[in-house]
Amino acid sequence: MMELADMRALARQLYDHAVAAADPARAVHQHFSKHPPAGLPAGGHSYVIAIGKAAPAMLGEALRHIPGPVTALGVTHHENAQTIPGARILTAGHPEPDEAGLRAGREIIALLQKAGPQDQVYALISGGGSALVPAPKPPLTLADKQAVNRLLLENGLGITEMNLVRQQLSELKGGGFSRYASPAPVTALILSDVIGNELSAIASGPTTEPLGNRAEALALLRGRGLLESLPITARNLLEAPEPPTARVAAENHLIGSNEKSLEAMREALSGDWSARIVTDRLTGDVGDAAEQILHAAEMAEYSGPTALIFGGETTVHLRGTGRGGRNQELALRVAMQGDRLPQGWIFLSGGTDGRDGPTDAAGGVVDGGTIARIRASGNDVEALLANNDSHAALKAAGDLLITGATGTNVADVQLMLIPGPSLSP
């Protein structure tokens, strides 16, 4: 019989399968195995620029395939610093843009401006790239970009909505990368952290046409009641006439996604387990997402051990001063209504990048005893949730999912394990 501890271990193993399926190096290798890079013309040079949480791994593998001479630069978050032979790796802040990211953005622009028609530019794009390389359009400052970023994050905008605004304020986003590289051809390999895999939304689409224009960004902000809270320089820029821009020219390839990770979780379950992917579009407010998960579990038919798999990227509307993230809060909300579920359940919600919000956790793994453990530690669960302090709540229960940086990012995965009659709670 499977004990509760074994169920928790199984949940972690399945999360690890999801992360492994999004391995950046494997995805890059598979792409170049099918599409070997063409040789360079006489005098040609390869420029390889990787941006995002998976940048080091993608860059390291790409350099095994791309013909020289090569100049390689990668930008990733501070926790994922690595040494890649033949490349320069810079680190920057995420999710809050910082001075290091500003310098990295300037280096990328300077490198792209060196490329000519005889050269080849490779862009290796993964999640997190939007915050990692801020390149504010004049007269915006880094402080302006930081203020805009905080405003968007704190008010629960989805990733596509945030990137619509970010693209209008950046030199690199919304196709800016490709425009700076012109007339050199650009090939982009993209690891998606965006639900639906809209390429213009991944890392704010540095090699794609923008999601929209200034007027659409203004309409979004006005509709959310956020326009008056924008820094005046950002508002002035959005309200200025749209300048003419050249079409974006790039060859974009999607090489990894959330769907592939969910399928890996499903395939890893065998034997008596019945596993199904409920949705790969778990989005919106964490409260609504928790209800969707609980409802799916209530409606499921259990002839034996059952696994319900979800994927997506939810949002949290910040009302308090606590620490946490969307996965930790989602896990806590499910745990608070765990009496609606069959006995012996386990629920995991985790970011595939290993980091959930500004914390050391990837998410949470909760069970039917989570709330009792939090209360036994002397904490008020409802008060912690009201203060957006899901990290403290799950830490008190011993239910944080701690993985460290994984070096990849294909959004979030969720897993509900419900034992059958042969499993003990």
Protein backbone atom coordinates (compact mmCIF):
# COMPACT_ATOMS: atom_id res chain seq x y z
CA MET A 1 0.00 0.00 0.00
CA MET A 2 1.16 3.54 -0.74
CA GLU A 3 1.60 5.77 2.28
CA LEU A 4 1.15 9.54 2.31
CA ALA A 5 4.92 10.06 2.25
CA ASP A 6 5.18 7.89 -0.85
CA MET A 7 2.44 9.91 -2.52
CA ARG A 8 4.32 13.13 -1.80
CA ALA A 9 7.52 11.61 -3.18
CA LEU A 10 5.65 10.53 -6.32
CA ALA A 11 4.30 14.04 -6.82
CA ARG A 12 7.83 15.43 -6.65
CA GLN A 13 9.09 12.80 -9.10
CA LEU A 14 6.39 13.75 -11.59
CA TYR A 15 7.28 17.43 -11.24
CA ASP A 16 10.89 16.46 -12.01
CA HIS A 17 9.69 14.66 -15.15
CA ALA A 18 7.92 17.85 -16.25
CA VAL A 19 11.09 19.88 -15.78
CA ALA A 20 13.22 17.29 -17.58
CA ALA A 21 10.87 17.38 -20.57
CA ALA A 22 11.59 21.10 -20.85
CA ASP A 23 15.35 20.61 -20.76
CA PRO A 24 16.71 23.46 -22.91
CA ALA A 25 19.81 21.66 -24.13
CA ARG A 26 17.80 18.67 -25.30
CA ALA A 27 15.34 20.92 -27.13
CA VAL A 28 18.16 22.80 -28.88
CA HIS A 29 19.89 19.54 -29.79
CA GLN A 30 16.71 18.11 -31.29
CA HIS A 31 16.17 21.25 -33.35
CA PHE A 32 19.66 21.35 -34.84
CA SER A 33 19.58 17.60 -35.48
CA LYS A 34 16.60 18.20 -37.76
CA HIS A 35 17.71 21.60 -39.08
CA PRO A 36 21.54 21.77 -39.23
CA PRO A 37 22.83 25.34 -39.51
CA ALA A 38 24.00 26.37 -42.97
CA GLY A 39 27.61 27.31 -43.52
CA LEU A 40 28.60 30.97 -43.49
CA PRO A 41 29.57 32.88 -46.65
CA ALA A 42 33.10 34.19 -46.99
CA GLY A 43 33.79 36.75 -44.28
CA GLY A 44 30.67 35.76 -42.38
CA HIS A 45 30.35 35.66 -38.59
CA SER A 46 27.81 33.96 -36.30
CA TYR A 47 26.36 36.01 -33.46
CA VAL A 48 24.58 33.89 -30.85
CA ILE A 49 22.58 35.74 -28.18
CA ALA A 50 20.63 33.89 -25.51
CA ILE A 51 18.11 35.66 -23.28
CA GLY A 52 16.11 34.11 -20.44
CA LYS A 53 16.17 31.66 -17.58
CA ALA A 54 17.30 28.85 -19.90
CA ALA A 55 19.97 30.96 -21.62
CA PRO A 56 23.12 29.13 -20.38
CA ALA A 57 21.87 25.65 -21.25
CA MET A 58 20.53 26.73 -24.65
CA LEU A 59 23.73 28.59 -25.45
CA GLY A 60 26.02 25.75 -24.42
CA GLU A 61 24.25 23.27 -26.68
CA ALA A 62 23.87 25.70 -29.59
CA LEU A 63 27.61 26.32 -29.68
CA ARG A 64 28.12 22.61 -30.42
CA HIS A 65 26.26 23.05 -33.70
CA ILE A 66 26.74 26.61 -34.98
CA PRO A 67 29.63 27.20 -37.40
CA GLY A 68 32.33 29.73 -36.57
CA PRO A 69 33.68 32.23 -36.18
CA VAL A 70 31.23 32.84 -33.34
CA THR A 71 30.57 35.57 -30.79
CA ALA A 72 28.25 34.30 -28.04
CA LEU A 73 26.50 36.23 -25.27
CA GLY A 74 23.95 35.03 -22.74
CA VAL A 75 21.82 36.88 -20.19
CA THR A 76 20.10 34.96 -17.40
CA HIS A 77 18.92 35.61 -13.85
CA HIS A 78 21.42 35.99 -11.02
CA GLU A 79 20.62 32.60 -9.45
CA ASN A 80 21.37 30.75 -12.69
CA ALA A 81 24.91 32.04 -13.29
CA GLN A 82 27.05 29.47 -15.11
CA THR A 83 30.28 29.30 -17.08
CA ILE A 84 29.80 28.32 -20.72
CA PRO A 85 33.02 27.77 -22.69
CA GLY A 86 33.21 30.10 -25.66
CA ALA A 87 30.52 32.44 -24.36
CA ARG A 88 30.13 35.43 -22.11
CA ILE A 89 27.35 35.02 -19.54
CA LEU A 90 25.79 38.06 -17.87
CA THR A 91 23.28 37.93 -15.01
CA ALA A 92 20.47 40.32 -14.25
CA GLY A 93 17.46 40.79 -12.01
CA HIS A 94 14.16 38.94 -12.31
CA PRO A 95 11.24 39.61 -11.94
CA GLU A 96 12.40 43.16 -11.12
CA PRO A 97 14.63 44.67 -13.85
CA ASP A 98 17.91 46.04 -12.50
CA GLU A 99 21.02 47.98 -13.52
CA ALA A 100 22.79 44.77 -14.54
CA GLY A 101 19.95 44.02 -16.95
CA LEU A 102 20.11 47.56 -18.32
CA ARG A 103 23.82 47.10 -19.08
CA ALA A 104 23.11 43.71 -20.64
CA GLY A 105 20.47 45.23 -22.91
CA ARG A 106 22.94 47.83 -24.11
CA GLU A 107 25.55 45.13 -24.81
CA ILE A 108 23.05 43.16 -26.87
CA ILE A 109 22.16 46.20 -28.95
CA ALA A 110 25.84 47.01 -29.53
CA LEU A 111 26.51 43.42 -30.64
CA LEU A 112 23.53 43.33 -32.98
CA GLN A 113 24.61 46.55 -34.64
CA LYS A 114 27.87 44.86 -35.67
CA ALA A 115 26.05 42.22 -37.75
CA GLY A 116 26.04 42.64 -41.52
CA PRO A 117 24.29 40.87 -44.42
CA GLN A 118 27.06 38.24 -44.64
CA ASP A 119 26.57 37.27 -40.97
CA GLN A 120 24.03 35.08 -39.15
CA VAL A 121 22.33 36.02 -35.88
CA TYR A 122 20.87 33.32 -33.63
CA ALA A 123 18.44 34.33 -30.86
CA LEU A 124 17.89 31.75 -28.13
CA ILE A 125 14.79 32.92 -26.26
CA SER A 126 13.26 31.58 -23.05
CA GLY A 127 10.95 32.82 -20.31
CA GLY A 128 12.08 35.68 -18.13
CA GLY A 129 13.81 37.48 -20.96
CA SER A 130 11.43 40.42 -20.74
CA ALA A 131 12.62 41.52 -17.30
CA LEU A 132 16.24 40.43 -17.77
CA VAL A 133 17.14 42.85 -20.56
CA PRO A 134 15.34 46.16 -20.03
CA ALA A 135 16.13 48.57 -22.84
CA PRO A 136 13.86 51.56 -22.17
CA LYS A 137 13.00 53.79 -25.09
CA PRO A 138 14.21 57.35 -24.53
CA PRO A 139 13.39 59.32 -22.47
CA LEU A 140 12.35 56.45 -20.17
CA THR A 141 14.74 55.48 -17.38
CA LEU A 142 15.27 52.16 -15.65
CA ALA A 143 13.32 53.53 -12.69
CA ASP A 144 10.39 54.19 -15.03
CA LYS A 145 10.53 50.64 -16.38
CA GLN A 146 10.73 49.23 -12.84
CA ALA A 147 7.68 51.25 -11.80
CA VAL A 148 5.71 50.04 -14.82
CA ASN A 149 6.76 46.44 -14.17
CA ARG A 150 5.64 46.61 -10.52
CA LEU A 151 2.33 48.18 -11.51
CA LEU A 152 1.59 45.39 -13.98
CA LEU A 153 2.63 42.59 -11.62
CA GLU A 154 0.77 43.93 -8.60
CA ASN A 155 -2.50 44.31 -10.46
CA GLY A 156 -2.79 40.77 -11.75
CA LEU A 157 -2.33 41.36 -15.48
CA GLY A 158 -1.74 38.22 -17.54
CA ILE A 159 1.60 37.68 -19.26
CA THR A 160 0.24 38.65 -22.69
CA GLU A 161 -1.30 41.85 -21.31
CA MET A 162 1.92 42.77 -19.54
CA ASN A 163 3.97 42.17 -22.65
CA LEU A 164 1.66 44.30 -24.80
CA VAL A 165 2.56 47.25 -22.57
CA ARG A 166 6.23 46.35 -22.18
CA GLN A 167 6.76 46.13 -25.94
CA GLN A 168 5.71 49.73 -26.47
CA LEU A 169 8.33 50.95 -23.98
CA SER A 170 11.34 48.89 -25.09
CA GLU A 171 14.07 49.04 -27.72
CA LEU A 172 14.40 45.22 -27.88
CA LYS A 173 10.92 43.84 -27.26
CA GLY A 174 8.23 43.52 -29.93
CA GLY A 175 10.69 42.80 -32.73
CA GLY A 176 13.29 45.35 -31.65
CA PHE A 177 15.99 42.67 -31.47
CA SER A 178 15.48 41.73 -35.12
CA ARG A 179 15.37 45.35 -36.27
CA TYR A 180 18.73 46.06 -34.62
CA ALA A 181 20.19 42.93 -36.28
CA SER A 182 19.06 43.97 -39.77
CA PRO A 183 20.30 43.41 -42.44
CA ALA A 184 21.71 40.19 -40.94
CA PRO A 185 19.30 37.22 -41.07
CA VAL A 186 17.92 36.15 -37.68
CA THR A 187 17.02 32.61 -36.61
CA ALA A 188 15.27 32.31 -33.24
CA LEU A 189 14.88 29.15 -31.14
CA ILE A 190 12.13 29.75 -28.58
CA LEU A 191 11.29 27.86 -25.38
CA SER A 192 7.75 28.89 -24.47
CA ASP A 193 6.62 29.92 -20.99
CA VAL A 194 3.39 31.39 -22.36
CA ILE A 195 0.10 29.53 -22.43
CA GLY A 196 -1.00 29.06 -26.02
CA ASN A 197 2.59 29.64 -27.19
CA GLU A 198 1.96 33.06 -28.70
CA LEU A 199 5.50 33.85 -29.89
CA SER A 200 4.93 37.60 -29.60
CA ALA A 201 4.37 37.17 -25.85
CA ILE A 202 7.38 34.99 -24.99
CA ALA A 203 10.03 37.27 -23.46
CA SER A 204 7.95 40.08 -24.99
CA GLY A 205 8.68 38.87 -28.52
CA PRO A 206 12.14 40.25 -29.36
CA THR A 207 12.09 38.57 -32.79
CA THR A 208 8.40 38.84 -33.67
CA GLU A 209 5.89 41.48 -34.62
CA PRO A 210 4.51 43.21 -31.51
CA LEU A 211 1.26 42.10 -29.90
CA GLY A 212 -0.31 45.47 -30.59
CA ASN A 213 0.36 49.17 -30.74
CA ARG A 214 0.51 52.14 -28.37
CA ALA A 215 -3.20 52.84 -28.66
CA GLU A 216 -4.06 49.26 -27.65
CA ALA A 217 -1.68 49.40 -24.69
CA LEU A 218 -3.28 52.67 -23.58
CA ALA A 219 -6.76 51.18 -23.91
CA LEU A 220 -5.74 48.20 -21.78
CA LEU A 221 -4.27 50.37 -19.03
CA ARG A 222 -7.24 52.74 -19.11
CA GLY A 223 -9.66 49.83 -18.90
CA ARG A 224 -7.86 48.47 -15.84
CA GLY A 225 -7.80 51.86 -14.16
CA LEU A 226 -4.00 51.95 -14.22
CA LEU A 227 -3.27 54.77 -16.63
CA GLU A 228 -3.10 57.46 -13.94
CA SER A 229 -0.60 55.34 -11.98
CA LEU A 230 1.92 55.16 -14.83
CA PRO A 231 5.11 57.22 -14.60
CA ILE A 232 4.48 60.40 -16.57
CA THR A 233 7.32 59.62 -19.00
CA ALA A 234 5.78 56.24 -19.84
CA ARG A 235 2.33 57.76 -20.30
CA ASN A 236 3.71 60.53 -22.52
CA LEU A 237 5.49 57.97 -24.68
CA LEU A 238 2.36 55.85 -25.09
CA GLU A 239 0.29 58.92 -25.96
CA ALA A 240 2.81 60.17 -28.56
CA PRO A 241 2.17 59.39 -32.26
CA GLU A 242 3.29 55.92 -33.33
CA PRO A 243 6.46 56.18 -35.46
CA PRO A 244 6.71 54.07 -38.63
CA THR A 245 8.68 50.86 -38.16
CA ALA A 246 10.00 48.23 -40.53
CA ARG A 247 8.46 44.77 -40.62
CA VAL A 248 10.19 42.20 -38.44
CA ALA A 249 12.20 39.65 -40.41
CA ALA A 250 13.15 36.52 -38.48
CA GLU A 251 12.83 32.75 -38.75
CA ASN A 252 11.17 31.66 -35.49
CA HIS A 253 11.10 28.07 -34.19
CA LEU A 254 9.17 26.90 -31.12
CA ILE A 255 11.27 24.15 -29.51
CA GLY A 256 9.62 23.57 -26.10
CA SER A 257 6.33 24.21 -24.29
CA ASN A 258 4.17 23.55 -21.26
CA GLU A 259 2.13 20.95 -23.15
CA LYS A 260 5.19 18.75 -23.62
CA SER A 261 5.89 18.82 -19.89
CA LEU A 262 2.32 17.86 -19.00
CA GLU A 263 2.49 14.94 -21.41
CA ALA A 264 5.75 13.80 -19.77
CA MET A 265 4.00 13.72 -16.38
CA ARG A 266 1.16 11.68 -17.79
CA GLU A 267 3.48 9.21 -19.49
CA ALA A 268 5.56 8.76 -16.34
CA LEU A 269 2.58 7.31 -14.45
CA SER A 270 2.07 3.61 -15.05
CA GLY A 271 0.63 0.55 -13.43
CA ASP A 272 -2.67 1.07 -11.63
CA TRP A 273 -2.70 4.85 -12.10
CA SER A 274 -5.27 6.51 -14.33
CA ALA A 275 -3.86 9.85 -15.50
CA ARG A 276 -5.33 12.57 -17.66
CA ILE A 277 -4.47 16.12 -18.60
CA VAL A 278 -7.46 18.22 -17.55
CA THR A 279 -6.25 21.47 -19.14
CA ASP A 280 -3.12 23.25 -20.30
CA ARG A 281 -4.95 26.60 -20.04
CA LEU A 282 -5.13 27.12 -16.27
CA THR A 283 -5.02 30.90 -16.21
CA GLY A 284 -6.61 33.85 -14.44
CA ASP A 285 -6.90 34.57 -10.72
CA VAL A 286 -5.58 31.90 -8.36
CA GLY A 287 -8.90 31.80 -6.52
CA ASP A 288 -10.74 30.89 -9.70
CA ALA A 289 -8.02 28.40 -10.64
CA ALA A 290 -8.29 26.68 -7.26
CA GLU A 291 -12.03 26.32 -7.76
CA GLN A 292 -11.48 24.84 -11.23
CA ILE A 293 -9.07 22.25 -9.81
CA LEU A 294 -11.33 21.34 -6.91
CA HIS A 295 -14.34 21.03 -9.20
CA ALA A 296 -12.41 18.74 -11.57
CA ALA A 297 -11.44 16.54 -8.62
CA GLU A 298 -15.02 16.43 -7.33
CA MET A 299 -16.42 15.45 -10.73
CA ALA A 300 -13.81 12.80 -11.54
CA GLU A 301 -14.73 9.13 -11.45
CA TYR A 302 -12.36 7.01 -9.36
CA SER A 303 -12.04 3.35 -10.22
CA GLY A 304 -8.51 3.37 -8.81
CA PRO A 305 -5.57 5.69 -8.19
CA THR A 306 -6.14 8.84 -10.24
CA ALA A 307 -3.90 11.69 -11.34
CA LEU A 308 -5.35 14.96 -12.65
CA ILE A 309 -2.81 17.12 -14.47
CA PHE A 310 -3.04 20.84 -15.16
CA GLY A 311 -0.76 23.46 -16.67
CA GLY A 312 -0.82 27.18 -17.20
CA GLU A 313 0.03 30.43 -15.49
CA THR A 314 -2.29 32.05 -12.98
CA THR A 315 -2.20 35.54 -11.53
CA VAL A 316 -2.32 36.96 -8.00
CA HIS A 317 -3.83 40.30 -7.11
CA LEU A 318 -1.62 41.67 -4.33
CA ARG A 319 -3.57 43.03 -1.40
CA GLY A 320 -1.10 42.51 1.43
CA THR A 321 2.59 42.79 2.25
CA GLY A 322 3.44 39.11 2.62
CA ARG A 323 5.71 36.95 0.49
CA GLY A 324 4.62 34.22 -1.86
CA GLY A 325 3.82 33.48 -5.47
CA ARG A 326 1.01 32.22 -7.64
CA ASN A 327 1.90 28.54 -7.14
CA GLN A 328 2.23 28.79 -3.36
CA GLU A 329 -1.05 30.69 -3.06
CA LEU A 330 -2.80 28.25 -5.38
CA ALA A 331 -1.61 25.29 -3.29
CA LEU A 332 -2.70 27.02 -0.07
CA ARG A 333 -6.15 27.80 -1.49
CA VAL A 334 -6.65 24.18 -2.56
CA ALA A 335 -5.54 22.98 0.88
CA MET A 336 -8.03 25.31 2.60
CA GLN A 337 -10.87 23.51 0.80
CA GLY A 338 -9.35 20.06 0.97
CA ASP A 339 -12.37 18.66 2.80
CA ARG A 340 -14.12 18.65 -0.58
CA LEU A 341 -11.70 15.98 -1.82
CA PRO A 342 -11.46 12.22 -1.31
CA GLN A 343 -9.33 11.17 1.63
CA GLY A 344 -5.59 10.82 1.06
CA TRP A 345 -5.19 13.42 -1.69
CA ILE A 346 -1.95 15.24 -2.60
CA PHE A 347 -1.74 18.45 -4.62
CA LEU A 348 1.38 20.03 -6.14
CA SER A 349 1.69 23.36 -7.91
CA GLY A 350 5.11 24.45 -9.12
CA GLY A 351 6.85 26.75 -11.52
CA THR A 352 9.08 24.83 -13.89
CA ASP A 353 11.80 27.46 -13.41
CA GLY A 354 12.13 26.53 -9.73
CA ARG A 355 11.17 29.97 -8.52
CA ASP A 356 7.74 31.21 -7.51
CA GLY A 357 7.56 34.94 -6.96
CA PRO A 358 10.31 36.63 -4.90
CA THR A 359 10.90 33.52 -2.76
CA ASP A 360 13.18 30.50 -2.55
CA ALA A 361 10.36 28.10 -3.41
CA ALA A 362 9.08 26.72 -6.71
CA GLY A 363 5.61 26.27 -5.25
CA GLY A 364 3.92 23.97 -2.76
CA VAL A 365 2.96 20.35 -2.11
CA VAL A 366 -0.09 20.12 0.16
CA ASP A 367 -2.30 17.39 1.57
CA GLY A 368 -5.28 16.91 3.88
CA GLY A 369 -3.19 17.75 6.94
CA THR A 370 -1.65 21.00 5.67
CA ILE A 371 -4.09 23.42 7.31
CA ALA A 372 -3.97 21.59 10.65
CA ARG A 373 -0.15 21.79 10.63
CA ILE A 374 -0.25 25.53 9.93
CA ARG A 375 -2.67 26.12 12.79
CA ALA A 376 -0.67 23.87 15.12
CA SER A 377 2.31 26.14 14.51
CA GLY A 378 0.32 29.05 15.95
CA ASN A 379 -0.48 30.74 12.63
CA ASP A 380 -3.79 32.11 11.41
CA VAL A 381 -4.27 30.64 7.91
CA GLU A 382 -6.93 33.10 6.84
CA ALA A 383 -4.86 36.09 7.96
CA LEU A 384 -1.78 34.82 6.15
CA LEU A 385 -3.75 34.36 2.92
CA ALA A 386 -5.33 37.82 3.23
CA ASN A 387 -1.79 39.24 3.49
CA ASN A 388 -0.60 37.26 0.44
CA ASP A 389 1.77 35.42 2.80
CA SER A 390 1.45 31.94 1.33
CA HIS A 391 5.18 31.32 1.73
CA ALA A 392 5.00 31.67 5.51
CA ALA A 393 1.89 29.48 5.65
CA LEU A 394 3.38 26.62 3.63
CA LYS A 395 6.73 26.90 5.42
CA ALA A 396 4.93 26.44 8.73
CA ALA A 397 3.34 23.27 7.35
CA GLY A 398 6.60 21.95 5.86
CA ASP A 399 4.92 22.04 2.47
CA LEU A 400 7.14 24.29 0.35
CA LEU A 401 8.40 22.85 -2.94
CA ILE A 402 12.11 23.74 -2.93
CA THR A 403 14.08 22.85 -6.06
CA GLY A 404 16.55 25.65 -6.75
CA ALA A 405 16.83 27.17 -10.20
CA THR A 406 16.10 24.55 -12.86
CA GLY A 407 17.57 26.40 -15.84
CA THR A 408 14.34 26.21 -17.82
CA ASN A 409 10.89 27.76 -17.83
CA VAL A 410 7.70 26.52 -19.50
CA ALA A 411 5.22 28.13 -17.08
CA ASP A 412 3.61 26.13 -14.25
CA VAL A 413 2.42 22.58 -13.69
CA GLN A 414 -0.17 21.27 -11.24
CA LEU A 415 -0.88 17.73 -10.16
CA MET A 416 -3.70 16.25 -8.07
CA LEU A 417 -3.07 12.68 -6.89
CA ILE A 418 -6.06 10.88 -5.40
CA PRO A 419 -5.58 7.38 -4.00
CA GLY A 420 -7.84 4.50 -4.83
CA PRO A 421 -9.14 1.86 -2.44
CA SER A 422 -5.74 0.10 -2.39
CA LEU A 423 -3.90 3.16 -1.14
CA SER A 424 -3.75 4.14 2.49
CA PRO A 425 -4.20 7.80 3.45
